[in-house]
Amino acid sequence: MKTQTAFRIDKALLELIKEKAKSTNRSLNNYVEYLLYQDVGKMPNDKTIKAIEEVESGKELTTIENLKKYKKSLLKLNR
């Protein structure tokens, strides 16, 4: 769901952003959203942070030798 918002930005910077958006065939809104996702959107969510901490803790984890076989086993569990 999208939310409309307003913020102040330097006029010269806005013109540069508009030019860049146009050169990449994006609307201004889409280009700004793209830039924000490149920065803020790369922040890991809680589940990913937990997984990183688990790996870094040195806890003994199961090694997956055959990814294809492992994926099939997961599909069987979800049926």
C-alpha atoms as a PDB file:
ATOM      1  CA  MET A   1       0.000   0.000   0.000  1.00  0.00           C
ATOM      2  CA  LYS A   2       1.327   3.405  -0.949  1.00  0.00           C
ATOM      3  CA  THR A   3       1.106   6.476   1.280  1.00  0.00           C
ATOM      4  CA  GLN A   4       1.285  10.015  -0.011  1.00  0.00           C
ATOM      5  CA  THR A   5       3.749  12.275   1.778  1.00  0.00           C
ATOM      6  CA  ALA A   6       5.403  15.644   1.319  1.00  0.00           C
ATOM      7  CA  PHE A   7       8.914  16.839   2.089  1.00  0.00           C
ATOM      8  CA  ARG A   8      11.095  19.830   1.275  1.00  0.00           C
ATOM      9  CA  ILE A   9      14.029  19.473  -1.083  1.00  0.00           C
ATOM     10  CA  ASP A  10      16.473  21.886  -2.672  1.00  0.00           C
ATOM     11  CA  LYS A  11      15.116  23.096  -6.020  1.00  0.00           C
ATOM     12  CA  ALA A  12      18.375  22.451  -7.900  1.00  0.00           C
ATOM     13  CA  LEU A  13      18.591  18.942  -6.461  1.00  0.00           C
ATOM     14  CA  LEU A  14      14.993  18.265  -7.464  1.00  0.00           C
ATOM     15  CA  GLU A  15      15.765  19.269 -11.041  1.00  0.00           C
ATOM     16  CA  LEU A  16      18.757  16.921 -11.110  1.00  0.00           C
ATOM     17  CA  ILE A  17      16.609  14.082  -9.756  1.00  0.00           C
ATOM     18  CA  LYS A  18      13.929  14.764 -12.374  1.00  0.00           C
ATOM     19  CA  GLU A  19      16.555  14.651 -15.144  1.00  0.00           C
ATOM     20  CA  LYS A  20      17.990  11.397 -13.827  1.00  0.00           C
ATOM     21  CA  ALA A  21      14.520   9.865 -13.504  1.00  0.00           C
ATOM     22  CA  LYS A  22      13.724  10.827 -17.087  1.00  0.00           C
ATOM     23  CA  SER A  23      17.016   9.426 -18.374  1.00  0.00           C
ATOM     24  CA  THR A  24      16.217   6.076 -16.749  1.00  0.00           C
ATOM     25  CA  ASN A  25      12.618   6.079 -18.059  1.00  0.00           C
ATOM     26  CA  ARG A  26      11.165   6.356 -14.559  1.00  0.00           C
ATOM     27  CA  SER A  27       8.675   8.738 -13.035  1.00  0.00           C
ATOM     28  CA  LEU A  28      10.005  11.058 -10.364  1.00  0.00           C
ATOM     29  CA  ASN A  29       8.107   9.129  -7.705  1.00  0.00           C
ATOM     30  CA  ASN A  30       9.351   5.760  -8.949  1.00  0.00           C
ATOM     31  CA  TYR A  31      12.945   6.967  -9.157  1.00  0.00           C
ATOM     32  CA  VAL A  32      12.962   8.415  -5.630  1.00  0.00           C
ATOM     33  CA  GLU A  33      11.363   5.217  -4.307  1.00  0.00           C
ATOM     34  CA  TYR A  34      14.020   3.174  -6.159  1.00  0.00           C
ATOM     35  CA  LEU A  35      16.823   5.251  -4.589  1.00  0.00           C
ATOM     36  CA  LEU A  36      15.360   4.859  -1.120  1.00  0.00           C
ATOM     37  CA  TYR A  37      15.050   1.091  -1.527  1.00  0.00           C
ATOM     38  CA  GLN A  38      18.695   0.977  -2.616  1.00  0.00           C
ATOM     39  CA  ASP A  39      19.646   2.490   0.724  1.00  0.00           C
ATOM     40  CA  VAL A  40      17.004   1.731   3.334  1.00  0.00           C
ATOM     41  CA  GLY A  41      15.533  -1.320   1.607  1.00  0.00           C
ATOM     42  CA  LYS A  42      18.749  -3.269   2.021  1.00  0.00           C
ATOM     43  CA  MET A  43      18.398  -3.317   5.786  1.00  0.00           C
ATOM     44  CA  PRO A  44      17.816  -6.895   6.964  1.00  0.00           C
ATOM     45  CA  ASN A  45      14.513  -7.768   8.594  1.00  0.00           C
ATOM     46  CA  ASP A  46      14.245  -9.389  12.047  1.00  0.00           C
ATOM     47  CA  LYS A  47      14.249 -12.933  10.659  1.00  0.00           C
ATOM     48  CA  THR A  48      17.428 -12.288   8.660  1.00  0.00           C
ATOM     49  CA  ILE A  49      19.139 -10.624  11.638  1.00  0.00           C
ATOM     50  CA  LYS A  50      18.331 -13.691  13.764  1.00  0.00           C
ATOM     51  CA  ALA A  51      19.775 -16.016  11.110  1.00  0.00           C
ATOM     52  CA  ILE A  52      22.960 -13.940  10.870  1.00  0.00           C
ATOM     53  CA  GLU A  53      23.362 -13.985  14.641  1.00  0.00           C
ATOM     54  CA  GLU A  54      22.851 -17.759  14.692  1.00  0.00           C
ATOM     55  CA  VAL A  55      25.573 -18.301  12.101  1.00  0.00           C
ATOM     56  CA  GLU A  56      27.968 -15.898  13.827  1.00  0.00           C
ATOM     57  CA  SER A  57      27.381 -17.530  17.222  1.00  0.00           C
ATOM     58  CA  GLY A  58      29.349 -20.583  16.170  1.00  0.00           C
ATOM     59  CA  LYS A  59      26.356 -22.826  16.803  1.00  0.00           C
ATOM     60  CA  GLU A  60      26.696 -26.081  14.945  1.00  0.00           C
ATOM     61  CA  LEU A  61      24.435 -25.883  11.898  1.00  0.00           C
ATOM     62  CA  THR A  62      23.431 -28.554   9.419  1.00  0.00           C
ATOM     63  CA  THR A  63      25.322 -28.389   6.131  1.00  0.00           C
ATOM     64  CA  ILE A  64      23.258 -28.796   2.975  1.00  0.00           C
ATOM     65  CA  GLU A  65      25.216 -30.958   0.566  1.00  0.00           C
ATOM     66  CA  ASN A  66      22.596 -31.186  -2.187  1.00  0.00           C
ATOM     67  CA  LEU A  67      20.371 -28.131  -2.536  1.00  0.00           C
ATOM     68  CA  LYS A  68      17.977 -29.738  -4.993  1.00  0.00           C
ATOM     69  CA  LYS A  69      17.397 -32.706  -2.656  1.00  0.00           C
ATOM     70  CA  TYR A  70      16.986 -30.368   0.317  1.00  0.00           C
ATOM     71  CA  LYS A  71      14.352 -28.298  -1.509  1.00  0.00           C
ATOM     72  CA  LYS A  72      12.420 -31.457  -2.351  1.00  0.00           C
ATOM     73  CA  SER A  73      12.473 -32.498   1.307  1.00  0.00           C
ATOM     74  CA  LEU A  74      11.044 -29.099   2.286  1.00  0.00           C
ATOM     75  CA  LEU A  75       8.236 -29.484  -0.249  1.00  0.00           C
ATOM     76  CA  LYS A  76       7.366 -32.882   1.240  1.00  0.00           C
ATOM     77  CA  LEU A  77       7.184 -31.349   4.734  1.00  0.00           C
ATOM     78  CA  ASN A  78       4.774 -28.651   3.579  1.00  0.00           C
ATOM     79  CA  ARG A  79       2.224 -31.068   2.090  1.00  0.00           C
END
